[in-house]
Amino acid sequence: MGRSKVASRLDRAWCERRLVRLRRRCDPADRLDGYVMRLADSWLLLAVVDDNIRLNGFAAVRSADVVAVRRRPTGAFVSTALAAQGTWPPTAPPDVDLSDLRKLLVSVAEHFSLITLHLEKSLPDMCFIGRLAGVRKRTVDIREVTPQATWHRDPTRWPLRRITRVDFGGGYENALSSVAGDPPRC
């Protein structure tokens, strides 16, 4: 699918609140289902719908990585199910700035305690969850939390150019945050 067709389908999905499946070049096997909440030149924001037909946080993905946008044939069912759960229509989180990755990370961290960083081209089967500790011109520091909800002692630094996706507000991040609490002071 060409760039202009992808952009047109993303815009239409956003305007019409269509359930779509995104396929991205950085991880062709991964598919993201959800509702396009915001669009910008560099990044887009998706309200993620999980396999249990529940809204499960947000995924910000690089617009240039999206290679296909497909309308989901189950869209009417999903929106009706979400309405029955009291979660339709999905609402975008406040003040998420998609103009560049640094602004995206800072704006998300103002409202969500944990973020998940994906570096799918260099580390395709891993993600890193933590609290934003700092953003520089070319890197981001996060204080990571383990799957056992314990905090790493020191922040980890990641190159911004390698980050392909940022998740936040999902069930797993929320569960980790509630168990881990605030990171201890070093």
N, C-alpha and C. Protein backbone atom coordinates (compact mmCIF):
# COMPACT_ATOMS: atom_id res chain seq x y z
N MET A 1 0.86 -1.17 0.00
CA MET A 1 0.00 0.00 0.00
C MET A 1 0.90 1.23 0.00
N GLY A 2 0.66 2.18 -0.90
CA GLY A 2 1.48 3.38 -0.98
C GLY A 2 1.25 4.35 0.17
N ARG A 3 2.21 5.25 0.37
CA ARG A 3 2.13 6.22 1.47
C ARG A 3 0.86 7.05 1.41
N SER A 4 0.48 7.52 0.21
CA SER A 4 -0.71 8.38 0.12
C SER A 4 -1.98 7.59 0.45
N LYS A 5 -2.02 6.32 0.06
CA LYS A 5 -3.19 5.50 0.38
C LYS A 5 -3.26 5.22 1.88
N VAL A 6 -2.10 4.95 2.49
CA VAL A 6 -2.05 4.75 3.94
C VAL A 6 -2.54 6.00 4.65
N ALA A 7 -2.02 7.16 4.25
CA ALA A 7 -2.42 8.43 4.88
C ALA A 7 -3.91 8.67 4.72
N SER A 8 -4.44 8.39 3.55
CA SER A 8 -5.87 8.58 3.30
C SER A 8 -6.72 7.66 4.18
N ARG A 9 -6.30 6.41 4.30
CA ARG A 9 -7.05 5.47 5.14
C ARG A 9 -6.96 5.81 6.62
N LEU A 10 -5.80 6.28 7.06
CA LEU A 10 -5.67 6.71 8.46
C LEU A 10 -6.58 7.90 8.73
N ASP A 11 -6.59 8.85 7.82
CA ASP A 11 -7.43 10.04 7.99
C ASP A 11 -8.91 9.65 8.02
N ARG A 12 -9.30 8.76 7.14
CA ARG A 12 -10.69 8.33 7.10
C ARG A 12 -11.07 7.57 8.37
N ALA A 13 -10.16 6.71 8.84
CA ALA A 13 -10.42 5.97 10.08
C ALA A 13 -10.59 6.92 11.25
N TRP A 14 -9.78 7.96 11.29
CA TRP A 14 -9.88 8.96 12.36
C TRP A 14 -11.20 9.72 12.26
N CYS A 15 -11.53 10.20 11.08
CA CYS A 15 -12.77 10.99 10.90
C CYS A 15 -14.03 10.18 11.19
N GLU A 16 -14.02 8.92 10.79
CA GLU A 16 -15.23 8.09 10.89
C GLU A 16 -15.24 7.15 12.10
N ARG A 17 -14.23 7.25 12.95
CA ARG A 17 -14.11 6.37 14.13
C ARG A 17 -14.24 4.91 13.74
N ARG A 18 -13.47 4.53 12.75
CA ARG A 18 -13.48 3.15 12.27
C ARG A 18 -12.46 2.30 13.03
N LEU A 19 -12.85 1.09 13.34
CA LEU A 19 -11.91 0.12 13.88
C LEU A 19 -11.02 -0.34 12.74
N VAL A 20 -9.72 -0.23 12.95
CA VAL A 20 -8.77 -0.61 11.90
C VAL A 20 -7.69 -1.52 12.47
N ARG A 21 -7.03 -2.21 11.56
CA ARG A 21 -5.83 -2.99 11.89
C ARG A 21 -4.67 -2.35 11.16
N LEU A 22 -3.62 -2.02 11.91
CA LEU A 22 -2.41 -1.44 11.33
C LEU A 22 -1.36 -2.53 11.20
N ARG A 23 -0.68 -2.52 10.07
CA ARG A 23 0.50 -3.36 9.87
C ARG A 23 1.66 -2.41 9.64
N ARG A 24 2.79 -2.71 10.29
CA ARG A 24 3.93 -1.79 10.22
C ARG A 24 5.16 -2.50 9.69
N ARG A 25 6.02 -1.73 9.02
CA ARG A 25 7.22 -2.30 8.40
C ARG A 25 8.22 -2.80 9.43
N CYS A 26 8.28 -2.20 10.60
CA CYS A 26 9.28 -2.59 11.60
C CYS A 26 8.97 -3.95 12.21
N ASP A 27 7.72 -4.38 12.18
CA ASP A 27 7.35 -5.69 12.71
C ASP A 27 6.16 -6.20 11.91
N PRO A 28 6.42 -6.75 10.70
CA PRO A 28 5.32 -7.16 9.82
C PRO A 28 4.38 -8.19 10.43
N ALA A 29 4.85 -8.99 11.37
CA ALA A 29 3.99 -10.00 11.99
C ALA A 29 3.04 -9.39 13.01
N ASP A 30 3.40 -8.25 13.56
CA ASP A 30 2.59 -7.60 14.59
C ASP A 30 1.48 -6.80 13.94
N ARG A 31 0.30 -6.95 14.47
CA ARG A 31 -0.82 -6.16 13.99
C ARG A 31 -1.47 -5.48 15.19
N LEU A 32 -1.79 -4.22 15.00
CA LEU A 32 -2.43 -3.44 16.06
C LEU A 32 -3.85 -3.13 15.64
N ASP A 33 -4.81 -3.51 16.47
CA ASP A 33 -6.21 -3.18 16.22
C ASP A 33 -6.60 -2.04 17.15
N GLY A 34 -7.36 -1.09 16.60
CA GLY A 34 -7.82 0.00 17.44
C GLY A 34 -8.43 1.13 16.64
N TYR A 35 -8.58 2.24 17.34
CA TYR A 35 -9.18 3.44 16.77
C TYR A 35 -8.14 4.54 16.71
N VAL A 36 -8.01 5.16 15.55
CA VAL A 36 -7.07 6.27 15.39
C VAL A 36 -7.63 7.45 16.17
N MET A 37 -6.86 7.92 17.16
CA MET A 37 -7.32 9.02 18.02
C MET A 37 -6.74 10.36 17.60
N ARG A 38 -5.51 10.34 17.11
CA ARG A 38 -4.85 11.57 16.67
C ARG A 38 -3.85 11.21 15.58
N LEU A 39 -3.65 12.17 14.68
CA LEU A 39 -2.69 12.01 13.59
C LEU A 39 -1.77 13.21 13.55
N ALA A 40 -0.50 12.95 13.30
CA ALA A 40 0.48 14.02 13.06
C ALA A 40 1.43 13.51 11.97
N ASP A 41 2.29 14.37 11.50
CA ASP A 41 3.20 13.98 10.43
C ASP A 41 4.10 12.81 10.84
N SER A 42 4.62 12.85 12.06
CA SER A 42 5.60 11.85 12.48
C SER A 42 5.00 10.67 13.24
N TRP A 43 3.98 10.91 14.04
CA TRP A 43 3.42 9.90 14.92
C TRP A 43 1.90 9.89 14.82
N LEU A 44 1.30 8.74 15.14
CA LEU A 44 -0.15 8.66 15.27
C LEU A 44 -0.47 7.95 16.57
N LEU A 45 -1.65 8.23 17.10
CA LEU A 45 -2.07 7.66 18.37
C LEU A 45 -3.27 6.75 18.15
N LEU A 46 -3.17 5.53 18.64
CA LEU A 46 -4.20 4.52 18.48
C LEU A 46 -4.73 4.11 19.85
N ALA A 47 -6.06 4.10 20.01
CA ALA A 47 -6.68 3.49 21.20
C ALA A 47 -6.76 2.00 20.89
N VAL A 48 -6.03 1.20 21.63
CA VAL A 48 -5.86 -0.22 21.32
C VAL A 48 -7.07 -1.02 21.80
N VAL A 49 -7.56 -1.90 20.93
CA VAL A 49 -8.61 -2.85 21.29
C VAL A 49 -7.95 -4.22 21.38
N ASP A 50 -8.07 -4.86 22.55
CA ASP A 50 -7.41 -6.16 22.73
C ASP A 50 -8.32 -7.31 22.28
N ASP A 51 -7.82 -8.53 22.39
CA ASP A 51 -8.55 -9.71 21.95
C ASP A 51 -9.81 -9.98 22.77
N ASN A 52 -9.91 -9.37 23.94
CA ASN A 52 -11.09 -9.53 24.79
C ASN A 52 -12.13 -8.45 24.52
N ILE A 53 -11.99 -7.72 23.44
CA ILE A 53 -12.90 -6.64 23.04
C ILE A 53 -13.00 -5.60 24.16
N ARG A 54 -11.84 -5.17 24.60
CA ARG A 54 -11.74 -4.10 25.60
C ARG A 54 -10.71 -3.09 25.13
N LEU A 55 -10.94 -1.84 25.49
CA LEU A 55 -9.92 -0.83 25.24
C LEU A 55 -8.77 -1.10 26.20
N ASN A 56 -7.56 -1.14 25.66
CA ASN A 56 -6.40 -1.51 26.47
C ASN A 56 -5.27 -0.50 26.26
N GLY A 57 -5.53 0.73 26.65
CA GLY A 57 -4.51 1.76 26.58
C GLY A 57 -4.31 2.31 25.19
N PHE A 58 -3.13 2.90 25.00
CA PHE A 58 -2.82 3.61 23.76
C PHE A 58 -1.47 3.17 23.23
N ALA A 59 -1.35 3.24 21.92
CA ALA A 59 -0.07 2.99 21.25
C ALA A 59 0.20 4.17 20.33
N ALA A 60 1.35 4.80 20.52
CA ALA A 60 1.81 5.82 19.58
C ALA A 60 2.83 5.14 18.68
N VAL A 61 2.60 5.20 17.39
CA VAL A 61 3.50 4.55 16.43
C VAL A 61 3.97 5.57 15.40
N ARG A 62 5.16 5.32 14.87
CA ARG A 62 5.68 6.21 13.84
C ARG A 62 4.83 6.08 12.59
N SER A 63 4.36 7.20 12.10
CA SER A 63 3.49 7.20 10.91
C SER A 63 4.18 6.54 9.72
N ALA A 64 5.46 6.81 9.54
CA ALA A 64 6.19 6.29 8.38
C ALA A 64 6.31 4.77 8.40
N ASP A 65 6.15 4.15 9.57
CA ASP A 65 6.25 2.69 9.66
C ASP A 65 4.97 1.97 9.25
N VAL A 66 3.86 2.69 9.17
CA VAL A 66 2.58 2.05 8.83
C VAL A 66 2.56 1.76 7.33
N VAL A 67 2.43 0.48 6.99
CA VAL A 67 2.42 0.09 5.58
C VAL A 67 1.04 -0.37 5.11
N ALA A 68 0.14 -0.66 6.04
CA ALA A 68 -1.21 -1.06 5.65
C ALA A 68 -2.20 -0.68 6.74
N VAL A 69 -3.37 -0.26 6.29
CA VAL A 69 -4.49 0.08 7.19
C VAL A 69 -5.70 -0.66 6.65
N ARG A 70 -6.22 -1.55 7.43
CA ARG A 70 -7.38 -2.34 7.00
C ARG A 70 -8.55 -2.10 7.95
N ARG A 71 -9.69 -1.84 7.36
CA ARG A 71 -10.92 -1.72 8.15
C ARG A 71 -11.28 -3.11 8.67
N ARG A 72 -11.65 -3.19 9.94
CA ARG A 72 -12.00 -4.47 10.54
C ARG A 72 -13.48 -4.76 10.29
N PRO A 73 -13.80 -5.94 9.77
CA PRO A 73 -15.20 -6.26 9.49
C PRO A 73 -16.04 -6.38 10.76
N THR A 74 -15.39 -6.51 11.91
CA THR A 74 -16.11 -6.64 13.18
C THR A 74 -16.33 -5.28 13.85
N GLY A 75 -16.09 -4.20 13.14
CA GLY A 75 -16.15 -2.86 13.73
C GLY A 75 -17.47 -2.54 14.42
N ALA A 76 -18.60 -2.88 13.79
CA ALA A 76 -19.91 -2.57 14.39
C ALA A 76 -20.11 -3.36 15.68
N PHE A 77 -19.74 -4.63 15.66
CA PHE A 77 -19.85 -5.46 16.86
C PHE A 77 -18.98 -4.88 17.98
N VAL A 78 -17.73 -4.54 17.65
CA VAL A 78 -16.80 -4.04 18.67
C VAL A 78 -17.31 -2.74 19.28
N SER A 79 -17.77 -1.80 18.46
CA SER A 79 -18.26 -0.54 19.02
C SER A 79 -19.50 -0.76 19.88
N THR A 80 -20.37 -1.69 19.50
CA THR A 80 -21.55 -2.02 20.32
C THR A 80 -21.12 -2.66 21.64
N ALA A 81 -20.14 -3.56 21.59
CA ALA A 81 -19.64 -4.20 22.82
C ALA A 81 -18.98 -3.16 23.74
N LEU A 82 -18.21 -2.26 23.16
CA LEU A 82 -17.58 -1.21 23.97
C LEU A 82 -18.63 -0.29 24.58
N ALA A 83 -19.69 0.01 23.83
CA ALA A 83 -20.78 0.84 24.37
C ALA A 83 -21.44 0.13 25.55
N ALA A 84 -21.64 -1.18 25.43
CA ALA A 84 -22.25 -1.95 26.53
C ALA A 84 -21.36 -1.94 27.77
N GLN A 85 -20.04 -1.80 27.57
CA GLN A 85 -19.09 -1.72 28.68
C GLN A 85 -18.94 -0.29 29.21
N GLY A 86 -19.56 0.66 28.52
CA GLY A 86 -19.45 2.06 28.92
C GLY A 86 -18.16 2.73 28.49
N THR A 87 -17.50 2.16 27.49
CA THR A 87 -16.22 2.73 27.04
C THR A 87 -16.25 3.23 25.59
N TRP A 88 -17.46 3.37 25.04
CA TRP A 88 -17.59 3.91 23.68
C TRP A 88 -18.20 5.28 23.73
N PRO A 89 -17.73 6.23 22.99
CA PRO A 89 -16.54 6.16 22.14
C PRO A 89 -15.27 6.33 22.97
N PRO A 90 -14.15 5.80 22.47
CA PRO A 90 -12.90 6.00 23.20
C PRO A 90 -12.52 7.48 23.17
N THR A 91 -11.87 7.92 24.23
CA THR A 91 -11.44 9.32 24.28
C THR A 91 -9.91 9.37 24.32
N ALA A 92 -9.38 10.33 23.62
CA ALA A 92 -7.92 10.50 23.59
C ALA A 92 -7.45 11.08 24.91
N PRO A 93 -6.29 10.67 25.37
CA PRO A 93 -5.75 11.28 26.59
C PRO A 93 -5.44 12.75 26.34
N PRO A 94 -5.49 13.56 27.38
CA PRO A 94 -5.30 15.00 27.19
C PRO A 94 -3.86 15.35 26.82
N ASP A 95 -3.74 16.33 25.96
CA ASP A 95 -2.46 17.01 25.70
C ASP A 95 -1.32 16.12 25.25
N VAL A 96 -1.58 15.03 24.54
CA VAL A 96 -0.49 14.22 24.00
C VAL A 96 0.02 14.91 22.74
N ASP A 97 1.29 15.28 22.76
CA ASP A 97 1.92 16.02 21.67
C ASP A 97 2.64 15.05 20.74
N LEU A 98 2.11 14.89 19.53
CA LEU A 98 2.68 13.94 18.57
C LEU A 98 3.65 14.60 17.60
N SER A 99 4.01 15.84 17.83
CA SER A 99 4.85 16.55 16.85
C SER A 99 6.27 16.01 16.77
N ASP A 100 6.81 15.49 17.86
CA ASP A 100 8.09 14.77 17.82
C ASP A 100 8.17 13.86 19.03
N LEU A 101 9.10 12.93 18.99
CA LEU A 101 9.16 11.90 20.03
C LEU A 101 9.46 12.47 21.41
N ARG A 102 10.34 13.44 21.51
CA ARG A 102 10.65 14.02 22.82
C ARG A 102 9.39 14.62 23.44
N LYS A 103 8.67 15.40 22.67
CA LYS A 103 7.44 16.02 23.18
C LYS A 103 6.38 14.97 23.50
N LEU A 104 6.32 13.94 22.69
CA LEU A 104 5.38 12.85 22.95
C LEU A 104 5.67 12.21 24.31
N LEU A 105 6.91 11.86 24.56
CA LEU A 105 7.28 11.21 25.83
C LEU A 105 6.99 12.10 27.04
N VAL A 106 7.36 13.36 26.94
CA VAL A 106 7.14 14.28 28.06
C VAL A 106 5.64 14.47 28.31
N SER A 107 4.86 14.65 27.25
CA SER A 107 3.43 14.89 27.43
C SER A 107 2.72 13.65 27.98
N VAL A 108 3.12 12.47 27.57
CA VAL A 108 2.52 11.24 28.10
C VAL A 108 2.88 11.08 29.57
N ALA A 109 4.14 11.34 29.92
CA ALA A 109 4.59 11.16 31.31
C ALA A 109 3.89 12.11 32.28
N GLU A 110 3.33 13.20 31.78
CA GLU A 110 2.59 14.11 32.66
C GLU A 110 1.28 13.50 33.14
N HIS A 111 0.75 12.51 32.42
CA HIS A 111 -0.56 11.94 32.76
C HIS A 111 -0.54 10.45 33.08
N PHE A 112 0.55 9.77 32.73
CA PHE A 112 0.63 8.33 32.93
C PHE A 112 1.93 8.01 33.65
N SER A 113 1.86 7.16 34.68
CA SER A 113 3.05 6.89 35.49
C SER A 113 4.07 6.02 34.78
N LEU A 114 3.63 5.14 33.89
CA LEU A 114 4.56 4.26 33.19
C LEU A 114 4.38 4.36 31.68
N ILE A 115 5.49 4.22 30.97
CA ILE A 115 5.47 4.15 29.52
C ILE A 115 6.20 2.88 29.10
N THR A 116 5.81 2.35 27.96
CA THR A 116 6.47 1.18 27.39
C THR A 116 7.14 1.59 26.10
N LEU A 117 8.45 1.39 26.02
CA LEU A 117 9.22 1.71 24.82
C LEU A 117 9.46 0.44 24.02
N HIS A 118 9.24 0.53 22.72
CA HIS A 118 9.54 -0.57 21.80
C HIS A 118 10.63 -0.11 20.85
N LEU A 119 11.65 -0.92 20.69
CA LEU A 119 12.74 -0.68 19.74
C LEU A 119 12.74 -1.86 18.77
N GLU A 120 11.69 -1.96 17.99
CA GLU A 120 11.38 -3.19 17.26
C GLU A 120 12.39 -3.55 16.17
N LYS A 121 13.07 -2.59 15.62
CA LYS A 121 14.05 -2.92 14.58
C LYS A 121 15.32 -3.53 15.17
N SER A 122 15.76 -3.03 16.31
CA SER A 122 17.00 -3.54 16.91
C SER A 122 16.74 -4.61 17.98
N LEU A 123 15.63 -4.53 18.68
CA LEU A 123 15.28 -5.50 19.72
C LEU A 123 13.81 -5.90 19.54
N PRO A 124 13.53 -6.72 18.52
CA PRO A 124 12.14 -6.95 18.12
C PRO A 124 11.26 -7.67 19.13
N ASP A 125 11.81 -8.46 20.00
CA ASP A 125 10.99 -9.25 20.92
C ASP A 125 11.02 -8.72 22.34
N MET A 126 11.39 -7.47 22.49
CA MET A 126 11.52 -6.90 23.84
C MET A 126 10.81 -5.56 23.91
N CYS A 127 10.44 -5.19 25.12
CA CYS A 127 9.96 -3.84 25.39
C CYS A 127 10.50 -3.44 26.75
N PHE A 128 10.46 -2.16 27.02
CA PHE A 128 11.04 -1.63 28.25
C PHE A 128 10.02 -0.71 28.89
N ILE A 129 9.63 -1.05 30.11
CA ILE A 129 8.58 -0.32 30.81
C ILE A 129 9.20 0.42 31.97
N GLY A 130 8.82 1.68 32.11
CA GLY A 130 9.34 2.45 33.22
C GLY A 130 8.78 3.84 33.28
N ARG A 131 9.34 4.60 34.18
CA ARG A 131 8.96 6.00 34.38
C ARG A 131 9.98 6.89 33.70
N LEU A 132 9.50 7.89 33.02
CA LEU A 132 10.40 8.82 32.34
C LEU A 132 11.29 9.49 33.36
N ALA A 133 12.61 9.45 33.11
CA ALA A 133 13.58 10.07 34.02
C ALA A 133 14.26 11.27 33.37
N GLY A 134 14.19 11.38 32.06
CA GLY A 134 14.79 12.52 31.38
C GLY A 134 14.82 12.32 29.88
N VAL A 135 14.79 13.43 29.17
CA VAL A 135 14.87 13.39 27.71
C VAL A 135 15.94 14.37 27.27
N ARG A 136 16.82 13.88 26.44
CA ARG A 136 17.88 14.72 25.87
C ARG A 136 17.64 14.86 24.37
N LYS A 137 18.57 15.51 23.70
CA LYS A 137 18.42 15.74 22.26
C LYS A 137 18.28 14.43 21.48
N ARG A 138 19.07 13.42 21.84
CA ARG A 138 19.08 12.17 21.08
C ARG A 138 18.74 10.93 21.90
N THR A 139 18.49 11.09 23.18
CA THR A 139 18.24 9.92 24.03
C THR A 139 17.11 10.19 25.03
N VAL A 140 16.60 9.10 25.57
CA VAL A 140 15.61 9.17 26.64
C VAL A 140 16.09 8.25 27.76
N ASP A 141 15.89 8.68 28.99
CA ASP A 141 16.20 7.86 30.16
C ASP A 141 14.88 7.46 30.83
N ILE A 142 14.77 6.16 31.12
CA ILE A 142 13.62 5.71 31.91
C ILE A 142 14.12 4.89 33.08
N ARG A 143 13.41 5.00 34.16
CA ARG A 143 13.66 4.17 35.34
C ARG A 143 12.78 2.95 35.17
N GLU A 144 13.40 1.84 34.79
CA GLU A 144 12.64 0.64 34.44
C GLU A 144 12.08 -0.08 35.66
N VAL A 145 10.96 -0.74 35.42
CA VAL A 145 10.33 -1.59 36.42
C VAL A 145 10.31 -3.01 35.85
N THR A 146 10.63 -4.00 36.68
CA THR A 146 10.70 -5.39 36.22
C THR A 146 9.30 -6.00 36.14
N PRO A 147 9.17 -7.18 35.51
CA PRO A 147 7.89 -7.88 35.50
C PRO A 147 7.43 -8.29 36.90
N GLN A 148 8.34 -8.27 37.88
CA GLN A 148 7.97 -8.56 39.27
C GLN A 148 7.61 -7.28 40.03
N ALA A 149 7.49 -6.17 39.31
CA ALA A 149 7.10 -4.88 39.88
C ALA A 149 8.14 -4.32 40.85
N THR A 150 9.40 -4.57 40.57
CA THR A 150 10.48 -3.95 41.34
C THR A 150 11.24 -2.99 40.42
N TRP A 151 11.74 -1.93 41.01
CA TRP A 151 12.40 -0.88 40.24
C TRP A 151 13.88 -1.15 40.06
N HIS A 152 14.37 -0.90 38.86
CA HIS A 152 15.82 -0.89 38.64
C HIS A 152 16.40 0.29 39.42
N ARG A 153 17.60 0.14 39.87
CA ARG A 153 18.23 1.19 40.68
C ARG A 153 18.53 2.44 39.86
N ASP A 154 19.07 2.25 38.66
CA ASP A 154 19.50 3.39 37.83
C ASP A 154 18.68 3.45 36.55
N PRO A 155 18.49 4.65 36.02
CA PRO A 155 17.78 4.79 34.75
C PRO A 155 18.55 4.13 33.60
N THR A 156 17.82 3.71 32.60
CA THR A 156 18.38 3.15 31.38
C THR A 156 18.23 4.19 30.28
N ARG A 157 19.25 4.32 29.45
CA ARG A 157 19.24 5.31 28.37
C ARG A 157 19.01 4.60 27.03
N TRP A 158 18.09 5.16 26.25
CA TRP A 158 17.76 4.61 24.94
C TRP A 158 17.86 5.69 23.88
N PRO A 159 18.38 5.34 22.69
CA PRO A 159 18.43 6.32 21.59
C PRO A 159 17.02 6.56 21.04
N LEU A 160 16.65 7.81 20.91
CA LEU A 160 15.32 8.15 20.41
C LEU A 160 15.08 7.58 19.01
N ARG A 161 16.11 7.60 18.17
CA ARG A 161 15.93 7.17 16.77
C ARG A 161 15.55 5.69 16.66
N ARG A 162 15.80 4.91 17.70
CA ARG A 162 15.48 3.48 17.66
C ARG A 162 14.07 3.17 18.15
N ILE A 163 13.42 4.12 18.77
CA ILE A 163 12.08 3.88 19.34
C ILE A 163 11.05 3.92 18.22
N THR A 164 10.30 2.83 18.08
CA THR A 164 9.32 2.71 17.01
C THR A 164 7.88 2.79 17.52
N ARG A 165 7.70 2.60 18.81
CA ARG A 165 6.35 2.58 19.38
C ARG A 165 6.44 2.91 20.86
N VAL A 166 5.42 3.62 21.35
CA VAL A 166 5.32 3.96 22.77
C VAL A 166 3.91 3.59 23.22
N ASP A 167 3.81 2.69 24.21
CA ASP A 167 2.51 2.30 24.76
C ASP A 167 2.34 2.91 26.14
N PHE A 168 1.10 3.18 26.51
CA PHE A 168 0.82 3.72 27.84
C PHE A 168 -0.66 3.55 28.15
N GLY A 169 -0.97 3.52 29.45
CA GLY A 169 -2.35 3.45 29.89
C GLY A 169 -3.01 2.10 29.72
N GLY A 170 -2.24 1.07 29.40
CA GLY A 170 -2.80 -0.27 29.22
C GLY A 170 -2.92 -1.01 30.54
N GLY A 171 -3.61 -2.12 30.51
CA GLY A 171 -3.82 -2.90 31.71
C GLY A 171 -2.54 -3.37 32.37
N TYR A 172 -1.56 -3.79 31.57
CA TYR A 172 -0.31 -4.28 32.15
C TYR A 172 0.47 -3.14 32.80
N GLU A 173 0.59 -2.01 32.12
CA GLU A 173 1.28 -0.86 32.72
C GLU A 173 0.57 -0.43 34.01
N ASN A 174 -0.75 -0.39 33.99
CA ASN A 174 -1.50 0.02 35.17
C ASN A 174 -1.31 -0.96 36.33
N ALA A 175 -1.30 -2.27 36.03
CA ALA A 175 -1.08 -3.26 37.09
C ALA A 175 0.32 -3.14 37.67
N LEU A 176 1.33 -2.99 36.81
CA LEU A 176 2.70 -2.81 37.31
C LEU A 176 2.80 -1.57 38.19
N SER A 177 2.20 -0.49 37.74
CA SER A 177 2.26 0.76 38.49
C SER A 177 1.61 0.62 39.86
N SER A 178 0.47 -0.05 39.91
CA SER A 178 -0.23 -0.17 41.21
C SER A 178 0.55 -1.05 42.19
N VAL A 179 1.26 -2.05 41.70
CA VAL A 179 2.03 -2.92 42.59
C VAL A 179 3.38 -2.31 42.92
N ALA A 180 4.05 -1.73 41.94
CA ALA A 180 5.40 -1.19 42.15
C ALA A 180 5.39 0.11 42.95
N GLY A 181 4.34 0.90 42.81
CA GLY A 181 4.32 2.20 43.47
C GLY A 181 5.36 3.13 42.86
N ASP A 182 5.75 4.13 43.61
CA ASP A 182 6.77 5.07 43.13
C ASP A 182 8.15 4.45 43.28
N PRO A 183 9.07 4.79 42.38
CA PRO A 183 10.43 4.26 42.53
C PRO A 183 11.11 4.84 43.76
N PRO A 184 11.91 4.02 44.45
CA PRO A 184 12.64 4.56 45.61
C PRO A 184 13.69 5.57 45.16
N ARG A 185 13.98 6.49 46.03
CA ARG A 185 15.05 7.46 45.72
C ARG A 185 16.40 6.76 45.82
N CYS A 186 17.27 7.09 44.89
CA CYS A 186 18.61 6.47 44.89
C CYS A 186 19.51 7.14 45.90
